[in-house]
Protein backbone atom coordinates (compact mmCIF):
# COMPACT_ATOMS: atom_id res chain seq x y z
CA VAL A 1 0.02 0.01 -0.03
CA ILE A 2 2.93 2.37 0.89
CA ILE A 3 4.61 1.72 -2.46
CA VAL A 4 1.69 2.25 -4.53
CA GLY A 5 0.84 5.43 -2.29
CA LEU A 6 4.42 6.59 -3.63
CA ILE A 7 4.20 5.78 -7.11
CA TRP A 8 0.99 7.88 -7.45
CA ALA A 9 2.55 10.53 -5.43
CA ASP A 10 5.45 11.05 -7.98
CA THR A 11 2.63 10.02 -11.07
CA ALA A 12 0.63 12.83 -9.30
CA GLY A 13 3.54 14.82 -9.80
CA TYR A 14 4.77 15.70 -6.41
CA ASN A 15 8.64 15.69 -5.44
CA MET A 16 8.94 12.67 -3.27
CA SER A 17 12.60 12.58 -2.69
CA THR A 18 11.57 16.28 -1.01
CA VAL A 19 8.52 14.64 0.91
CA LEU A 20 10.74 11.70 2.28
CA ALA A 21 13.20 14.09 3.54
CA GLY A 22 10.67 15.64 5.58
CA LEU A 23 9.56 13.07 7.10
CA GLY A 24 12.63 11.99 8.00
CA VAL A 25 13.44 14.96 9.75
CA GLY A 26 9.98 14.96 11.66
CA SER A 27 10.51 11.57 12.53
CA VAL A 28 13.64 12.58 13.77
CA ALA A 29 12.34 15.37 15.42
CA VAL A 30 9.21 13.16 17.17
CA ALA A 31 12.23 10.75 18.39
CA LEU A 32 14.38 13.31 20.30
CA ALA A 33 11.05 14.90 21.53
CA ALA A 34 10.17 11.19 22.96
CA GLN A 35 13.33 10.29 23.91
CA LYS A 36 13.37 12.20 27.98
CA THR A 37 9.51 10.61 27.86
CA LEU A 38 10.90 6.88 26.68
CA GLU A 39 13.96 7.16 29.26
CA ASN A 40 11.64 8.05 32.29
CA LEU A 41 9.67 4.94 31.43
CA ILE A 42 12.50 2.55 31.09
CA GLY A 43 14.00 4.20 34.60
CA ALA A 44 10.03 3.38 36.38
CA ILE A 45 10.25 0.00 34.98
CA THR A 46 13.77 -0.42 36.87
CA LEU A 47 12.59 0.84 39.80
CA TYR A 48 9.48 -1.32 39.61
CA SER A 49 11.67 -4.53 38.61
CA ALA A 50 14.83 -3.97 41.02
CA ARG A 51 12.57 -2.27 43.21
CA PRO A 52 15.67 -0.40 45.34
CA VAL A 53 13.39 1.54 47.29
CA SER A 54 9.18 1.04 48.05
CA PRO A 55 7.02 4.06 48.45
CA GLY A 56 7.03 4.82 52.26
CA ASP A 57 10.77 4.01 52.45
CA PHE A 58 13.22 6.88 54.19
CA CYS A 59 16.22 7.18 51.67
CA ARG A 60 19.36 9.72 50.87
CA PHE A 61 18.90 9.87 47.39
CA GLY A 62 22.38 11.87 46.25
CA LYS A 63 21.87 15.45 48.79
CA ILE A 64 18.10 14.53 49.01
CA VAL A 65 16.98 13.30 52.17
CA GLY A 66 13.46 11.83 52.70
CA ILE A 67 10.52 9.56 52.54
CA VAL A 68 9.37 7.91 48.89
CA GLU A 69 5.59 8.96 48.48
CA GLU A 70 5.13 7.79 44.92
CA ILE A 71 6.45 5.95 41.94
CA GLY A 72 4.99 7.46 38.78
CA LEU A 73 5.40 6.93 35.32
CA ARG A 74 7.47 9.82 34.40
CA SER A 75 9.14 10.91 37.93
CA THR A 76 9.33 9.39 41.59
CA SER A 77 8.20 11.75 44.17
CA ILE A 78 9.79 12.53 47.66
CA ARG A 79 8.75 14.67 50.79
CA THR A 80 12.11 15.89 52.62
CA LEU A 81 12.66 16.32 55.64
CA GLU A 82 11.57 19.90 55.62
CA ARG A 83 8.49 18.62 54.11
CA THR A 84 8.22 19.79 50.81
CA LEU A 85 7.66 17.66 47.89
CA VAL A 86 10.93 16.66 45.42
CA HIS A 87 9.67 15.12 42.33
CA VAL A 88 12.97 13.50 40.46
CA PRO A 89 12.63 12.20 36.85
CA ASN A 90 13.13 8.74 36.80
CA ALA A 91 15.81 8.22 34.42
CA VAL A 92 17.93 10.34 36.84
CA PHE A 93 16.42 8.64 40.09
CA SER A 94 17.31 5.29 38.45
CA SER A 95 21.04 6.31 37.82
CA MET A 96 21.30 7.71 41.63
CA ASP A 97 23.19 6.37 44.34
CA ILE A 98 20.54 5.63 46.54
CA GLU A 99 20.73 5.02 50.45
CA ASN A 100 17.62 3.21 52.17
CA PHE A 101 17.59 3.83 56.08
CA SER A 102 14.33 1.54 55.96
CA ALA A 103 16.15 -1.42 55.18
CA ARG A 104 18.97 -1.75 57.73
CA ASP A 105 18.43 -4.40 60.43
CA ARG A 106 20.00 -2.20 63.08
CA ILE A 107 20.95 1.30 63.66
CA ARG A 108 24.58 1.94 64.55
CA PHE A 109 25.72 3.98 68.01
CA PHE A 110 29.16 5.34 67.13
CA ARG A 111 30.87 7.97 69.13
CA ASN A 112 34.55 9.44 69.79
CA ALA A 113 34.87 10.79 73.22
CA ARG A 114 38.10 12.97 74.23
CA VAL A 115 38.12 12.75 77.55
CA LEU A 116 41.09 14.74 80.10
CA ILE A 117 42.35 12.21 82.21
CA ASP A 118 44.99 11.74 85.07
CA SER A 119 46.13 8.82 85.15
CA ALA A 120 45.88 5.41 82.61
CA ASP A 121 44.18 3.87 85.71
CA GLN A 122 41.60 6.26 85.18
CA ALA A 123 40.87 5.09 81.76
CA ARG A 124 40.82 1.64 82.32
CA VAL A 125 38.32 2.04 85.12
CA ILE A 126 36.24 4.77 82.12
CA LEU A 127 36.78 1.81 79.47
CA ALA A 128 35.75 -1.06 81.56
CA GLU A 129 32.23 0.56 82.96
CA ILE A 130 31.63 1.69 79.54
CA ARG A 131 31.74 -1.55 78.35
CA ARG A 132 29.99 -3.23 81.47
CA VAL A 133 27.21 -1.25 80.36
CA LEU A 134 27.04 -1.70 76.44
CA TYR A 135 26.91 -5.57 77.27
CA SER A 136 24.27 -5.87 79.73
CA HIS A 137 21.86 -2.98 77.89
CA PRO A 138 18.63 -4.95 77.00
CA MET A 139 18.74 -2.63 73.83
CA VAL A 140 22.91 -3.41 72.67
CA TYR A 141 23.68 -6.72 70.34
CA PRO A 142 26.45 -7.38 72.52
CA ASP A 143 28.84 -8.85 69.80
CA THR A 144 28.94 -5.35 68.27
CA VAL A 145 30.40 -3.59 70.93
CA SER A 146 33.93 -2.21 70.55
CA VAL A 147 35.25 0.73 72.91
CA ARG A 148 38.79 0.96 72.71
CA LEU A 149 41.20 3.80 73.84
CA ASP A 150 41.56 5.10 70.06
CA ASP A 151 44.25 8.01 70.67
CA ILE A 152 46.13 10.38 72.72
CA GLY A 153 46.41 13.94 72.30
CA GLU A 154 47.71 16.80 74.02
CA ALA A 155 44.95 17.66 75.98
CA ALA A 156 43.25 14.25 76.39
CA VAL A 157 43.08 10.87 75.24
CA GLN A 158 40.31 9.94 72.80
CA LEU A 159 37.36 6.78 73.05
CA ARG A 160 36.28 5.00 70.46
CA LEU A 161 32.99 3.70 71.24
CA ASP A 162 30.95 1.48 68.51
CA ALA A 163 27.56 -0.80 68.90
CA GLY A 164 24.77 -1.87 66.82
CA ILE A 165 21.27 -0.98 68.78
CA ARG A 166 18.08 -3.51 68.47
CA THR A 167 16.17 -1.33 66.41
CA THR A 168 15.64 0.15 62.75
CA ASP A 169 12.84 2.93 64.43
CA PHE A 170 15.23 6.42 64.57
CA GLN A 171 13.03 7.76 67.19
CA GLU A 172 13.40 4.66 69.36
CA TYR A 173 16.77 4.81 68.51
CA LEU A 174 17.60 8.39 69.82
CA GLY A 175 16.05 7.65 73.12
CA VAL A 176 18.50 4.22 73.69
CA ALA A 177 21.69 6.70 72.63
CA GLU A 178 20.19 9.50 75.01
CA ASP A 179 20.44 7.12 77.58
CA LEU A 180 23.88 5.77 76.88
CA ASN A 181 25.37 8.98 76.85
CA LEU A 182 24.34 9.95 79.57
CA ARG A 183 25.44 7.00 81.79
CA PHE A 184 28.56 7.79 79.80
CA ILE A 185 29.27 11.06 80.93
CA ASP A 186 28.03 9.86 84.97
CA ILE A 187 30.74 7.39 84.52
CA ILE A 188 33.82 9.91 83.26
CA LEU A 189 32.54 12.54 85.93
CA SER A 190 32.65 9.59 88.88
CA THR A 191 36.43 8.88 88.11
CA ASN A 192 37.12 12.75 88.46
CA ALA A 193 37.49 12.41 84.67
CA ALA A 194 36.27 14.78 82.22
CA LEU A 195 34.73 15.42 78.76
CA ALA A 196 36.82 17.92 76.51
CA GLY A 197 36.32 19.08 73.01
CA PRO A 198 38.71 20.02 70.04
CA GLY A 199 40.04 23.60 70.66
CA GLN A 200 38.64 23.77 74.03
CA LEU A 201 40.51 22.45 77.43
CA ARG A 202 37.15 21.10 79.25
CA ILE A 203 33.41 20.79 79.07
CA LEU A 204 32.33 18.89 82.27
CA ARG A 205 33.82 18.89 85.25
CA ASP A 206 33.22 17.75 88.41
CA ALA A 207 33.03 20.99 91.13
């Protein structure tokens, strides 16, 4: 049918070379216009099949941190911590480094505490008491506990505290972290040591 139509048009006096060239240019223009749409559609298919995230997941996408609200055919909607709504094209979103906080099996408690001490025995007591608190705490995985005197500075030593907390809920984690932090402050002050920060001699000290 196409060949018959072309022969008829040529017989009727139309310049088919010009017509075909115009159709070619038009096809290229349509293809370029549809390129982004096609990329976003392929991105949506990739997200649905690989499922790196799902609606409701709390994630980091590049510099954006928020909750996935919807994965559409053209873009993914993300509710940020500032409660704004960001729409990321699926072609871009599917190629980003995605960190899914909702997929973690625990939350890491990690601190570097600078402590001003008077003797090595004082440091040993502090380390032993902090280990005791972490190993006995019901919300801490014992096999993840690591408490070490990590560094020696001019004004203080640095303690490295590391443990896995038995929760994936961030608010619950904050409550456990607050409890641990307060206990560690009590331990340090009870030995007549003091917490120190970079650029200053002391933050806390028993009267």
